Amino acid sequence: MGREGEEGAREAGPRGEAEKGEGPAEKEEGPASLRCHRRPAAGRGHSRRDRAAAAAWRIRFRRLVRPVSGSSRRPARQEKFISLKMSSVKRLVYAFIHFLREQSQMETFTPDEQESLEVAIQCLETVFKVNLEDTHLAPPQHLIEIFANSFHKNDKLPLSDSLPEDIEKADHLKDEGNNHMKEENYGAAVDCYTRAIELDPNNAVYYCNRAAAQSKLSKYSEAIKDCERAIAIDPKYSKAYGRMGLALTSVNKYEEAITSYQKALDLDPENDSYKSNLKVAEQKLRDMSSPTGTGLSFDMASLINNPAFISMVSALQALHCIAFNAEILRTSLV
């Protein structure tokens, strides 16, 4: 047999023999996209079929791993494009990991489901060499917000896929939460809104209402997150921007609060509440700068109401009384 015939036999060896029924075809488990191309073991005593498979594996490996030298070197422009593309991929993976981490901490999932989410996170971290400590990869927007903005036709997420009965129950829970808010029972209101979100997670109103209840409980970080979720679902929800401005003002983030109020006014220009709250935030931002330009301000009211300051004053008063009584006792004995 000539060289050409020998090479043809090598290439057609495994397939031809399997078709003839000389041996059972190797069983492949799992979906094709997840199968591992294992290199056949080499050594003495292997059949012609094994040697042909090894040769085919070497050809496939050479195609996948080409030397970066000589004529096979990629152009600099192509290398730059691949680098930029990989950077974008890592940013996208980071956003997914961040989203999955948030979801894994929600009470709506069972322990088994939370464990599955953790496995998914670990797989992404391992494959793409990305984890949440790589904060430089964090996108400027939350993944849900990116997804919402992609629906540029109506600037909203698609309608909820919740069952009609679940949507109805969620609406009743929202009304119940509103009643708790009127009665200043804010903890119960948060619980009602949370249950409504579990039934209908794509309703921006439930997140926004829960943000209002969280602010009443001084849980401003949670309130800000809920406002961000509401805005991600409905970027034109002015009330969510307004409530986020209130929460940001409460944690002294006046510049961000001003931005939120301005967005709220862009969507609802005639809202007097947004106008007055914007003025308050702007005034507080100005008050932060002292005349000396140090950027510090002295808030007497906050100092007087500070529990540590009150305790210190009480201790000083007690020491003063002890010293005064000791002086009276000394003079009376003289």
C-alpha atoms as a PDB file:
ATOM      1  CA  MET A   1       0.000   0.000   0.000  1.00  0.00           C
ATOM      2  CA  GLY A   2       1.366   3.413  -0.936  1.00  0.00           C
ATOM      3  CA  ARG A   3       1.820   6.356   1.438  1.00  0.00           C
ATOM      4  CA  GLU A   4      -1.412   8.024   0.248  1.00  0.00           C
ATOM      5  CA  GLY A   5      -3.387   4.826   0.766  1.00  0.00           C
ATOM      6  CA  GLU A   6      -1.829   4.354   4.202  1.00  0.00           C
ATOM      7  CA  GLU A   7      -2.755   7.900   5.301  1.00  0.00           C
ATOM      8  CA  GLY A   8      -6.282   7.438   3.946  1.00  0.00           C
ATOM      9  CA  ALA A   9      -6.620   4.256   5.956  1.00  0.00           C
ATOM     10  CA  ARG A  10      -5.430   6.072   9.079  1.00  0.00           C
ATOM     11  CA  GLU A  11      -7.953   8.856   8.670  1.00  0.00           C
ATOM     12  CA  ALA A  12     -10.852   6.534   7.893  1.00  0.00           C
ATOM     13  CA  GLY A  13      -9.768   3.843  10.322  1.00  0.00           C
ATOM     14  CA  PRO A  14     -11.945   4.511  13.401  1.00  0.00           C
ATOM     15  CA  ARG A  15     -15.043   5.435  11.425  1.00  0.00           C
ATOM     16  CA  GLY A  16     -14.690   2.619   8.917  1.00  0.00           C
ATOM     17  CA  GLU A  17     -14.156  -0.068  11.537  1.00  0.00           C
ATOM     18  CA  ALA A  18     -17.065   1.164  13.637  1.00  0.00           C
ATOM     19  CA  GLU A  19     -19.326   1.095  10.591  1.00  0.00           C
ATOM     20  CA  LYS A  20     -18.264  -2.461   9.759  1.00  0.00           C
ATOM     21  CA  GLY A  21     -19.204  -3.577  13.245  1.00  0.00           C
ATOM     22  CA  GLU A  22     -15.745  -4.850  14.193  1.00  0.00           C
ATOM     23  CA  GLY A  23     -16.128  -3.255  17.592  1.00  0.00           C
ATOM     24  CA  PRO A  24     -18.715  -1.174  19.450  1.00  0.00           C
ATOM     25  CA  ALA A  25     -18.387   2.566  19.009  1.00  0.00           C
ATOM     26  CA  GLU A  26     -17.117   4.370  22.081  1.00  0.00           C
ATOM     27  CA  LYS A  27     -20.038   5.634  24.168  1.00  0.00           C
ATOM     28  CA  GLU A  28     -20.275   9.409  24.498  1.00  0.00           C
ATOM     29  CA  GLU A  29     -21.948  10.728  27.604  1.00  0.00           C
ATOM     30  CA  GLY A  30     -23.458  14.163  28.067  1.00  0.00           C
ATOM     31  CA  PRO A  31     -24.274  16.854  25.532  1.00  0.00           C
ATOM     32  CA  ALA A  32     -21.901  17.356  22.638  1.00  0.00           C
ATOM     33  CA  SER A  33     -20.895  20.834  23.838  1.00  0.00           C
ATOM     34  CA  LEU A  34     -19.655  19.401  27.153  1.00  0.00           C
ATOM     35  CA  ARG A  35     -17.772  16.341  25.873  1.00  0.00           C
ATOM     36  CA  CYS A  36     -14.061  16.333  26.590  1.00  0.00           C
ATOM     37  CA  HIS A  37     -11.751  15.403  23.700  1.00  0.00           C
ATOM     38  CA  ARG A  38      -9.458  12.993  25.481  1.00  0.00           C
ATOM     39  CA  ARG A  39      -6.131  12.058  23.985  1.00  0.00           C
ATOM     40  CA  PRO A  40      -5.942   8.283  23.359  1.00  0.00           C
ATOM     41  CA  ALA A  41      -3.219   6.595  25.325  1.00  0.00           C
ATOM     42  CA  ALA A  42      -0.105   5.692  23.360  1.00  0.00           C
ATOM     43  CA  GLY A  43       2.082   2.664  23.827  1.00  0.00           C
ATOM     44  CA  ARG A  44       2.881  -0.795  22.622  1.00  0.00           C
ATOM     45  CA  GLY A  45       0.182  -3.271  21.838  1.00  0.00           C
ATOM     46  CA  HIS A  46      -2.370  -0.704  20.712  1.00  0.00           C
ATOM     47  CA  SER A  47      -4.494  -1.513  17.717  1.00  0.00           C
ATOM     48  CA  ARG A  48      -4.387   0.277  14.400  1.00  0.00           C
ATOM     49  CA  ARG A  49      -7.640   1.938  15.423  1.00  0.00           C
ATOM     50  CA  ASP A  50      -6.001   3.433  18.534  1.00  0.00           C
ATOM     51  CA  ARG A  51      -3.020   4.679  16.548  1.00  0.00           C
ATOM     52  CA  ALA A  52      -5.322   6.302  13.983  1.00  0.00           C
ATOM     53  CA  ALA A  53      -7.326   7.962  16.746  1.00  0.00           C
ATOM     54  CA  ALA A  54      -4.107   9.273  18.301  1.00  0.00           C
ATOM     55  CA  ALA A  55      -3.038  10.698  14.950  1.00  0.00           C
ATOM     56  CA  ALA A  56      -6.412  12.382  14.522  1.00  0.00           C
ATOM     57  CA  TRP A  57      -6.108  13.823  18.030  1.00  0.00           C
ATOM     58  CA  ARG A  58      -2.668  15.264  17.221  1.00  0.00           C
ATOM     59  CA  ILE A  59      -4.032  16.947  14.097  1.00  0.00           C
ATOM     60  CA  ARG A  60      -6.924  18.430  16.033  1.00  0.00           C
ATOM     61  CA  PHE A  61      -4.594  19.604  18.816  1.00  0.00           C
ATOM     62  CA  ARG A  62      -2.248  21.323  16.338  1.00  0.00           C
ATOM     63  CA  ARG A  63      -5.190  23.219  14.896  1.00  0.00           C
ATOM     64  CA  LEU A  64      -6.272  24.420  18.342  1.00  0.00           C
ATOM     65  CA  VAL A  65      -2.815  25.306  19.642  1.00  0.00           C
ATOM     66  CA  ARG A  66      -0.760  27.028  16.973  1.00  0.00           C
ATOM     67  CA  PRO A  67       2.715  28.426  17.656  1.00  0.00           C
ATOM     68  CA  VAL A  68       2.880  32.208  17.987  1.00  0.00           C
ATOM     69  CA  SER A  69       5.863  32.603  15.703  1.00  0.00           C
ATOM     70  CA  GLY A  70       6.673  33.112  12.070  1.00  0.00           C
ATOM     71  CA  SER A  71       3.795  33.405   9.633  1.00  0.00           C
ATOM     72  CA  SER A  72       1.222  32.152  12.193  1.00  0.00           C
ATOM     73  CA  ARG A  73       1.578  35.232  14.419  1.00  0.00           C
ATOM     74  CA  ARG A  74      -1.661  37.226  14.655  1.00  0.00           C
ATOM     75  CA  PRO A  75      -1.617  40.845  13.481  1.00  0.00           C
ATOM     76  CA  ALA A  76      -1.332  43.404  16.270  1.00  0.00           C
ATOM     77  CA  ARG A  77      -4.810  44.739  15.463  1.00  0.00           C
ATOM     78  CA  GLN A  78      -6.303  41.244  15.839  1.00  0.00           C
ATOM     79  CA  GLU A  79      -4.480  40.714  19.164  1.00  0.00           C
ATOM     80  CA  LYS A  80      -5.860  44.018  20.426  1.00  0.00           C
ATOM     81  CA  PHE A  81      -9.382  43.070  19.335  1.00  0.00           C
ATOM     82  CA  ILE A  82      -9.160  39.701  21.105  1.00  0.00           C
ATOM     83  CA  SER A  83      -7.871  41.425  24.248  1.00  0.00           C
ATOM     84  CA  LEU A  84     -10.736  43.922  24.211  1.00  0.00           C
ATOM     85  CA  LYS A  85     -13.235  41.167  23.535  1.00  0.00           C
ATOM     86  CA  MET A  86     -11.971  39.099  26.478  1.00  0.00           C
ATOM     87  CA  SER A  87     -12.154  42.168  28.726  1.00  0.00           C
ATOM     88  CA  SER A  88     -15.799  42.649  27.753  1.00  0.00           C
ATOM     89  CA  VAL A  89     -16.484  38.973  28.377  1.00  0.00           C
ATOM     90  CA  LYS A  90     -14.979  39.202  31.853  1.00  0.00           C
ATOM     91  CA  ARG A  91     -17.054  42.276  32.642  1.00  0.00           C
ATOM     92  CA  LEU A  92     -20.165  40.421  31.535  1.00  0.00           C
ATOM     93  CA  VAL A  93     -19.226  37.369  33.607  1.00  0.00           C
ATOM     94  CA  TYR A  94     -18.580  39.622  36.612  1.00  0.00           C
ATOM     95  CA  ALA A  95     -22.085  41.076  36.225  1.00  0.00           C
ATOM     96  CA  PHE A  96     -23.559  37.572  36.101  1.00  0.00           C
ATOM     97  CA  ILE A  97     -21.617  36.459  39.182  1.00  0.00           C
ATOM     98  CA  HIS A  98     -22.760  39.562  41.067  1.00  0.00           C
ATOM     99  CA  PHE A  99     -26.376  38.893  40.049  1.00  0.00           C
ATOM    100  CA  LEU A 100     -26.200  35.205  41.004  1.00  0.00           C
ATOM    101  CA  ARG A 101     -24.628  36.096  44.358  1.00  0.00           C
ATOM    102  CA  GLU A 102     -27.529  38.440  45.116  1.00  0.00           C
ATOM    103  CA  GLN A 103     -30.037  35.792  44.090  1.00  0.00           C
ATOM    104  CA  SER A 104     -28.371  33.123  46.239  1.00  0.00           C
ATOM    105  CA  GLN A 105     -28.915  35.285  49.315  1.00  0.00           C
ATOM    106  CA  MET A 106     -32.646  35.695  48.738  1.00  0.00           C
ATOM    107  CA  GLU A 107     -35.042  33.715  50.902  1.00  0.00           C
ATOM    108  CA  THR A 108     -37.173  32.765  47.900  1.00  0.00           C
ATOM    109  CA  PHE A 109     -34.843  29.854  47.101  1.00  0.00           C
ATOM    110  CA  THR A 110     -34.546  26.555  48.936  1.00  0.00           C
ATOM    111  CA  PRO A 111     -31.167  25.505  50.386  1.00  0.00           C
ATOM    112  CA  ASP A 112     -30.676  23.105  47.462  1.00  0.00           C
ATOM    113  CA  GLU A 113     -31.407  25.860  44.956  1.00  0.00           C
ATOM    114  CA  GLN A 114     -29.030  28.225  46.762  1.00  0.00           C
ATOM    115  CA  GLU A 115     -26.348  25.540  46.633  1.00  0.00           C
ATOM    116  CA  SER A 116     -26.933  25.161  42.894  1.00  0.00           C
ATOM    117  CA  LEU A 117     -26.447  28.897  42.462  1.00  0.00           C
ATOM    118  CA  GLU A 118     -23.186  28.673  44.423  1.00  0.00           C
ATOM    119  CA  VAL A 119     -22.006  25.898  42.098  1.00  0.00           C
ATOM    120  CA  ALA A 120     -22.842  28.058  39.085  1.00  0.00           C
ATOM    121  CA  ILE A 121     -20.865  30.941  40.598  1.00  0.00           C
ATOM    122  CA  GLN A 122     -17.852  28.713  41.254  1.00  0.00           C
ATOM    123  CA  CYS A 123     -17.959  27.360  37.697  1.00  0.00           C
ATOM    124  CA  LEU A 124     -17.970  30.855  36.213  1.00  0.00           C
ATOM    125  CA  GLU A 125     -15.149  31.968  38.520  1.00  0.00           C
ATOM    126  CA  THR A 126     -13.043  28.936  37.600  1.00  0.00           C
ATOM    127  CA  VAL A 127     -13.566  29.051  33.837  1.00  0.00           C
ATOM    128  CA  PHE A 128     -13.186  32.812  33.336  1.00  0.00           C
ATOM    129  CA  LYS A 129     -10.755  33.526  36.214  1.00  0.00           C
ATOM    130  CA  VAL A 130     -13.098  36.194  37.598  1.00  0.00           C
ATOM    131  CA  ASN A 131     -14.413  36.794  41.117  1.00  0.00           C
ATOM    132  CA  LEU A 132     -16.175  39.570  42.995  1.00  0.00           C
ATOM    133  CA  GLU A 133     -12.870  40.908  44.312  1.00  0.00           C
ATOM    134  CA  ASP A 134     -12.077  42.099  40.769  1.00  0.00           C
ATOM    135  CA  THR A 135     -14.027  45.305  41.327  1.00  0.00           C
ATOM    136  CA  HIS A 136     -12.363  46.978  38.328  1.00  0.00           C
ATOM    137  CA  LEU A 137     -14.525  44.718  36.162  1.00  0.00           C
ATOM    138  CA  ALA A 138     -17.766  45.954  37.719  1.00  0.00           C
ATOM    139  CA  PRO A 139     -20.052  47.474  35.070  1.00  0.00           C
ATOM    140  CA  PRO A 140     -21.585  50.892  35.762  1.00  0.00           C
ATOM    141  CA  GLN A 141     -25.068  49.349  35.816  1.00  0.00           C
ATOM    142  CA  HIS A 142     -26.655  46.346  37.490  1.00  0.00           C
ATOM    143  CA  LEU A 143     -27.236  43.363  35.206  1.00  0.00           C
ATOM    144  CA  ILE A 144     -31.017  43.780  35.477  1.00  0.00           C
ATOM    145  CA  GLU A 145     -30.681  47.434  34.532  1.00  0.00           C
ATOM    146  CA  ILE A 146     -28.552  46.536  31.513  1.00  0.00           C
ATOM    147  CA  PHE A 147     -31.175  44.000  30.514  1.00  0.00           C
ATOM    148  CA  ALA A 148     -33.977  46.511  31.031  1.00  0.00           C
ATOM    149  CA  ASN A 149     -32.262  49.187  28.959  1.00  0.00           C
ATOM    150  CA  SER A 150     -31.933  46.766  26.059  1.00  0.00           C
ATOM    151  CA  PHE A 151     -35.700  46.960  25.643  1.00  0.00           C
ATOM    152  CA  HIS A 152     -35.387  50.428  24.139  1.00  0.00           C
ATOM    153  CA  LYS A 153     -38.778  50.256  22.464  1.00  0.00           C
ATOM    154  CA  ASN A 154     -40.709  50.765  25.685  1.00  0.00           C
ATOM    155  CA  ASP A 155     -37.814  51.116  28.159  1.00  0.00           C
ATOM    156  CA  LYS A 156     -39.330  48.405  30.335  1.00  0.00           C
ATOM    157  CA  LEU A 157     -38.832  44.764  31.095  1.00  0.00           C
ATOM    158  CA  PRO A 158     -41.373  42.464  29.481  1.00  0.00           C
ATOM    159  CA  LEU A 159     -44.559  41.827  31.368  1.00  0.00           C
ATOM    160  CA  SER A 160     -44.307  39.521  34.344  1.00  0.00           C
ATOM    161  CA  ASP A 161     -44.542  35.815  33.619  1.00  0.00           C
ATOM    162  CA  SER A 162     -46.155  35.224  37.019  1.00  0.00           C
ATOM    163  CA  LEU A 163     -49.450  33.397  37.122  1.00  0.00           C
ATOM    164  CA  PRO A 164     -52.570  35.590  37.181  1.00  0.00           C
ATOM    165  CA  GLU A 165     -53.526  34.343  40.633  1.00  0.00           C
ATOM    166  CA  ASP A 166     -50.032  35.173  41.930  1.00  0.00           C
ATOM    167  CA  ILE A 167     -50.268  38.679  40.485  1.00  0.00           C
ATOM    168  CA  GLU A 168     -53.617  39.153  42.202  1.00  0.00           C
ATOM    169  CA  LYS A 169     -52.241  37.919  45.536  1.00  0.00           C
ATOM    170  CA  ALA A 170     -49.239  40.216  45.162  1.00  0.00           C
ATOM    171  CA  ASP A 171     -51.521  43.202  44.580  1.00  0.00           C
ATOM    172  CA  HIS A 172     -53.488  42.389  47.738  1.00  0.00           C
ATOM    173  CA  LEU A 173     -50.226  42.124  49.686  1.00  0.00           C
ATOM    174  CA  LYS A 174     -49.204  45.535  48.356  1.00  0.00           C
ATOM    175  CA  ASP A 175     -52.485  47.037  49.599  1.00  0.00           C
ATOM    176  CA  GLU A 176     -51.940  45.364  52.959  1.00  0.00           C
ATOM    177  CA  GLY A 177     -48.444  46.801  53.113  1.00  0.00           C
ATOM    178  CA  ASN A 178     -49.789  50.270  52.300  1.00  0.00           C
ATOM    179  CA  ASN A 179     -52.221  49.982  55.214  1.00  0.00           C
ATOM    180  CA  HIS A 180     -49.348  49.038  57.521  1.00  0.00           C
ATOM    181  CA  MET A 181     -47.466  52.111  56.315  1.00  0.00           C
ATOM    182  CA  LYS A 182     -50.410  54.340  57.251  1.00  0.00           C
ATOM    183  CA  GLU A 183     -50.437  52.746  60.708  1.00  0.00           C
ATOM    184  CA  GLU A 184     -46.645  53.263  60.958  1.00  0.00           C
ATOM    185  CA  ASN A 185     -46.160  49.512  61.258  1.00  0.00           C
ATOM    186  CA  TYR A 186     -43.139  49.571  58.972  1.00  0.00           C
ATOM    187  CA  GLY A 187     -41.744  46.118  59.735  1.00  0.00           C
ATOM    188  CA  ALA A 188     -45.023  44.461  58.752  1.00  0.00           C
ATOM    189  CA  ALA A 189     -45.125  46.624  55.622  1.00  0.00           C
ATOM    190  CA  VAL A 190     -41.672  45.389  54.577  1.00  0.00           C
ATOM    191  CA  ASP A 191     -42.848  41.812  55.071  1.00  0.00           C
ATOM    192  CA  CYS A 192     -45.928  42.355  52.884  1.00  0.00           C
ATOM    193  CA  TYR A 193     -43.959  43.999  50.088  1.00  0.00           C
ATOM    194  CA  THR A 194     -41.342  41.234  50.210  1.00  0.00           C
ATOM    195  CA  ARG A 195     -44.016  38.562  49.827  1.00  0.00           C
ATOM    196  CA  ALA A 196     -45.503  40.520  46.934  1.00  0.00           C
ATOM    197  CA  ILE A 197     -42.084  40.626  45.241  1.00  0.00           C
ATOM    198  CA  GLU A 198     -41.732  36.864  45.617  1.00  0.00           C
ATOM    199  CA  LEU A 199     -44.997  36.410  43.723  1.00  0.00           C
ATOM    200  CA  ASP A 200     -44.401  39.097  41.096  1.00  0.00           C
ATOM    201  CA  PRO A 201     -40.688  40.013  40.969  1.00  0.00           C
ATOM    202  CA  ASN A 202     -40.957  42.281  37.914  1.00  0.00           C
ATOM    203  CA  ASN A 203     -43.246  44.862  39.508  1.00  0.00           C
ATOM    204  CA  ALA A 204     -41.293  48.056  40.186  1.00  0.00           C
ATOM    205  CA  VAL A 205     -43.956  49.422  42.557  1.00  0.00           C
ATOM    206  CA  TYR A 206     -43.333  46.708  45.141  1.00  0.00           C
ATOM    207  CA  TYR A 207     -39.612  47.485  45.307  1.00  0.00           C
ATOM    208  CA  CYS A 208     -40.275  51.215  45.518  1.00  0.00           C
ATOM    209  CA  ASN A 209     -42.848  50.793  48.296  1.00  0.00           C
ATOM    210  CA  ARG A 210     -40.508  48.532  50.226  1.00  0.00           C
ATOM    211  CA  ALA A 211     -37.812  51.186  49.858  1.00  0.00           C
ATOM    212  CA  ALA A 212     -40.118  53.692  51.571  1.00  0.00           C
ATOM    213  CA  ALA A 213     -40.678  51.271  54.458  1.00  0.00           C
ATOM    214  CA  GLN A 214     -36.945  50.531  54.725  1.00  0.00           C
ATOM    215  CA  SER A 215     -36.215  54.256  54.962  1.00  0.00           C
ATOM    216  CA  LYS A 216     -38.722  54.592  57.805  1.00  0.00           C
ATOM    217  CA  LEU A 217     -36.784  51.851  59.608  1.00  0.00           C
ATOM    218  CA  SER A 218     -33.511  53.745  58.935  1.00  0.00           C
ATOM    219  CA  LYS A 219     -32.333  50.905  56.685  1.00  0.00           C
ATOM    220  CA  TYR A 220     -31.125  53.279  54.025  1.00  0.00           C
ATOM    221  CA  SER A 221     -28.762  50.907  52.210  1.00  0.00           C
ATOM    222  CA  GLU A 222     -31.598  48.442  51.667  1.00  0.00           C
ATOM    223  CA  ALA A 223     -33.838  51.296  50.541  1.00  0.00           C
ATOM    224  CA  ILE A 224     -31.279  52.428  47.962  1.00  0.00           C
ATOM    225  CA  LYS A 225     -30.953  48.881  46.588  1.00  0.00           C
ATOM    226  CA  ASP A 226     -34.723  48.552  46.276  1.00  0.00           C
ATOM    227  CA  CYS A 227     -34.910  51.854  44.417  1.00  0.00           C
ATOM    228  CA  GLU A 228     -32.189  50.693  42.042  1.00  0.00           C
ATOM    229  CA  ARG A 229     -34.133  47.500  41.341  1.00  0.00           C
ATOM    230  CA  ALA A 230     -37.307  49.469  40.715  1.00  0.00           C
ATOM    231  CA  ILE A 231     -35.461  51.745  38.290  1.00  0.00           C
ATOM    232  CA  ALA A 232     -33.925  48.721  36.549  1.00  0.00           C
ATOM    233  CA  ILE A 233     -37.425  47.409  35.902  1.00  0.00           C
ATOM    234  CA  ASP A 234     -38.864  50.795  34.949  1.00  0.00           C
ATOM    235  CA  PRO A 235     -36.240  53.463  34.139  1.00  0.00           C
ATOM    236  CA  LYS A 236     -39.005  56.089  33.869  1.00  0.00           C
ATOM    237  CA  TYR A 237     -40.295  55.561  37.411  1.00  0.00           C
ATOM    238  CA  SER A 238     -39.874  59.056  38.888  1.00  0.00           C
ATOM    239  CA  LYS A 239     -41.015  58.062  42.382  1.00  0.00           C
ATOM    240  CA  ALA A 240     -38.166  55.542  42.631  1.00  0.00           C
ATOM    241  CA  TYR A 241     -35.633  58.286  41.857  1.00  0.00           C
ATOM    242  CA  GLY A 242     -37.280  60.559  44.431  1.00  0.00           C
ATOM    243  CA  ARG A 243     -37.212  57.943  47.187  1.00  0.00           C
ATOM    244  CA  MET A 244     -33.640  57.038  46.357  1.00  0.00           C
ATOM    245  CA  GLY A 245     -32.767  60.715  46.743  1.00  0.00           C
ATOM    246  CA  LEU A 246     -34.271  60.713  50.246  1.00  0.00           C
ATOM    247  CA  ALA A 247     -32.298  57.616  51.241  1.00  0.00           C
ATOM    248  CA  LEU A 248     -29.060  59.019  49.807  1.00  0.00           C
ATOM    249  CA  THR A 249     -29.596  62.292  51.672  1.00  0.00           C
ATOM    250  CA  SER A 250     -30.055  60.341  54.907  1.00  0.00           C
ATOM    251  CA  VAL A 251     -26.595  58.771  54.508  1.00  0.00           C
ATOM    252  CA  ASN A 252     -25.011  62.144  53.594  1.00  0.00           C
ATOM    253  CA  LYS A 253     -24.473  61.252  49.928  1.00  0.00           C
ATOM    254  CA  TYR A 254     -25.706  64.632  48.799  1.00  0.00           C
ATOM    255  CA  GLU A 255     -24.191  64.699  45.321  1.00  0.00           C
ATOM    256  CA  GLU A 256     -25.813  61.379  44.428  1.00  0.00           C
ATOM    257  CA  ALA A 257     -29.058  62.540  46.014  1.00  0.00           C
ATOM    258  CA  ILE A 258     -29.020  65.682  43.869  1.00  0.00           C
ATOM    259  CA  THR A 259     -28.565  63.539  40.758  1.00  0.00           C
ATOM    260  CA  SER A 260     -31.509  61.353  41.765  1.00  0.00           C
ATOM    261  CA  TYR A 261     -33.768  64.348  42.386  1.00  0.00           C
ATOM    262  CA  GLN A 262     -32.781  65.876  39.069  1.00  0.00           C
ATOM    263  CA  LYS A 263     -33.709  62.660  37.261  1.00  0.00           C
ATOM    264  CA  ALA A 264     -37.001  62.581  39.151  1.00  0.00           C
ATOM    265  CA  LEU A 265     -37.720  66.150  38.059  1.00  0.00           C
ATOM    266  CA  ASP A 266     -36.817  65.354  34.469  1.00  0.00           C
ATOM    267  CA  LEU A 267     -39.580  62.750  34.535  1.00  0.00           C
ATOM    268  CA  ASP A 268     -42.020  64.771  36.662  1.00  0.00           C
ATOM    269  CA  PRO A 269     -41.134  68.489  36.324  1.00  0.00           C
ATOM    270  CA  GLU A 270     -44.152  69.764  38.286  1.00  0.00           C
ATOM    271  CA  ASN A 271     -43.542  67.737  41.447  1.00  0.00           C
ATOM    272  CA  ASP A 272     -43.066  70.228  44.302  1.00  0.00           C
ATOM    273  CA  SER A 273     -41.762  67.552  46.665  1.00  0.00           C
ATOM    274  CA  TYR A 274     -38.830  66.762  44.377  1.00  0.00           C
ATOM    275  CA  LYS A 275     -38.078  70.475  44.016  1.00  0.00           C
ATOM    276  CA  SER A 276     -37.995  71.116  47.769  1.00  0.00           C
ATOM    277  CA  ASN A 277     -35.978  67.965  48.502  1.00  0.00           C
ATOM    278  CA  LEU A 278     -33.496  68.947  45.797  1.00  0.00           C
ATOM    279  CA  LYS A 279     -33.016  72.341  47.467  1.00  0.00           C
ATOM    280  CA  VAL A 280     -32.450  70.640  50.828  1.00  0.00           C
ATOM    281  CA  ALA A 281     -29.795  68.334  49.360  1.00  0.00           C
ATOM    282  CA  GLU A 282     -28.072  71.235  47.612  1.00  0.00           C
ATOM    283  CA  GLN A 283     -28.048  73.256  50.844  1.00  0.00           C
ATOM    284  CA  LYS A 284     -26.616  70.339  52.819  1.00  0.00           C
ATOM    285  CA  LEU A 285     -23.916  69.920  50.210  1.00  0.00           C
ATOM    286  CA  ARG A 286     -22.986  73.597  50.585  1.00  0.00           C
ATOM    287  CA  ASP A 287     -23.021  73.291  54.378  1.00  0.00           C
ATOM    288  CA  MET A 288     -20.491  70.472  54.225  1.00  0.00           C
ATOM    289  CA  SER A 289     -17.801  72.957  53.193  1.00  0.00           C
ATOM    290  CA  SER A 290     -16.532  75.131  56.016  1.00  0.00           C
ATOM    291  CA  PRO A 291     -15.275  78.729  55.447  1.00  0.00           C
ATOM    292  CA  THR A 292     -11.683  77.475  55.740  1.00  0.00           C
ATOM    293  CA  GLY A 293     -12.261  75.069  52.893  1.00  0.00           C
ATOM    294  CA  THR A 294     -11.496  71.970  54.935  1.00  0.00           C
ATOM    295  CA  GLY A 295     -14.690  70.305  53.796  1.00  0.00           C
ATOM    296  CA  LEU A 296     -15.845  69.803  57.388  1.00  0.00           C
ATOM    297  CA  SER A 297     -18.833  71.267  59.202  1.00  0.00           C
ATOM    298  CA  PHE A 298     -19.871  71.382  62.850  1.00  0.00           C
ATOM    299  CA  ASP A 299     -23.389  70.101  63.501  1.00  0.00           C
ATOM    300  CA  MET A 300     -24.289  71.151  67.058  1.00  0.00           C
ATOM    301  CA  ALA A 301     -27.676  69.430  66.986  1.00  0.00           C
ATOM    302  CA  SER A 302     -26.129  66.091  66.049  1.00  0.00           C
ATOM    303  CA  LEU A 303     -23.510  66.467  68.760  1.00  0.00           C
ATOM    304  CA  ILE A 304     -26.061  67.252  71.464  1.00  0.00           C
ATOM    305  CA  ASN A 305     -28.208  64.277  70.465  1.00  0.00           C
ATOM    306  CA  ASN A 306     -25.246  61.921  70.271  1.00  0.00           C
ATOM    307  CA  PRO A 307     -25.634  59.211  72.991  1.00  0.00           C
ATOM    308  CA  ALA A 308     -21.879  59.047  73.580  1.00  0.00           C
ATOM    309  CA  PHE A 309     -21.723  62.812  74.104  1.00  0.00           C
ATOM    310  CA  ILE A 310     -24.668  62.676  76.528  1.00  0.00           C
ATOM    311  CA  SER A 311     -22.980  59.891  78.525  1.00  0.00           C
ATOM    312  CA  MET A 312     -19.744  61.866  78.702  1.00  0.00           C
ATOM    313  CA  VAL A 313     -21.558  64.983  79.950  1.00  0.00           C
ATOM    314  CA  SER A 314     -23.383  62.926  82.591  1.00  0.00           C
ATOM    315  CA  ALA A 315     -20.103  61.444  83.794  1.00  0.00           C
ATOM    316  CA  LEU A 316     -18.506  64.892  84.047  1.00  0.00           C
ATOM    317  CA  GLN A 317     -21.497  66.168  86.008  1.00  0.00           C
ATOM    318  CA  ALA A 318     -21.198  63.242  88.410  1.00  0.00           C
ATOM    319  CA  LEU A 319     -17.493  63.917  88.941  1.00  0.00           C
ATOM    320  CA  HIS A 320     -18.229  67.589  89.531  1.00  0.00           C
ATOM    321  CA  CYS A 321     -20.827  66.721  92.177  1.00  0.00           C
ATOM    322  CA  ILE A 322     -18.401  64.390  93.926  1.00  0.00           C
ATOM    323  CA  ALA A 323     -15.675  67.036  93.959  1.00  0.00           C
ATOM    324  CA  PHE A 324     -18.091  69.720  95.164  1.00  0.00           C
ATOM    325  CA  ASN A 325     -19.409  67.533  97.983  1.00  0.00           C
ATOM    326  CA  ALA A 326     -15.870  66.639  99.013  1.00  0.00           C
ATOM    327  CA  GLU A 327     -14.978  70.333  99.227  1.00  0.00           C
ATOM    328  CA  ILE A 328     -18.048  71.035 101.394  1.00  0.00           C
ATOM    329  CA  LEU A 329     -17.102  68.157 103.679  1.00  0.00           C
ATOM    330  CA  ARG A 330     -13.523  69.398 103.983  1.00  0.00           C
ATOM    331  CA  THR A 331     -14.515  72.967 104.860  1.00  0.00           C
ATOM    332  CA  SER A 332     -17.068  71.773 107.400  1.00  0.00           C
ATOM    333  CA  LEU A 333     -14.443  69.764 109.219  1.00  0.00           C
ATOM    334  CA  VAL A 334     -11.974  72.621 109.486  1.00  0.00           C
END
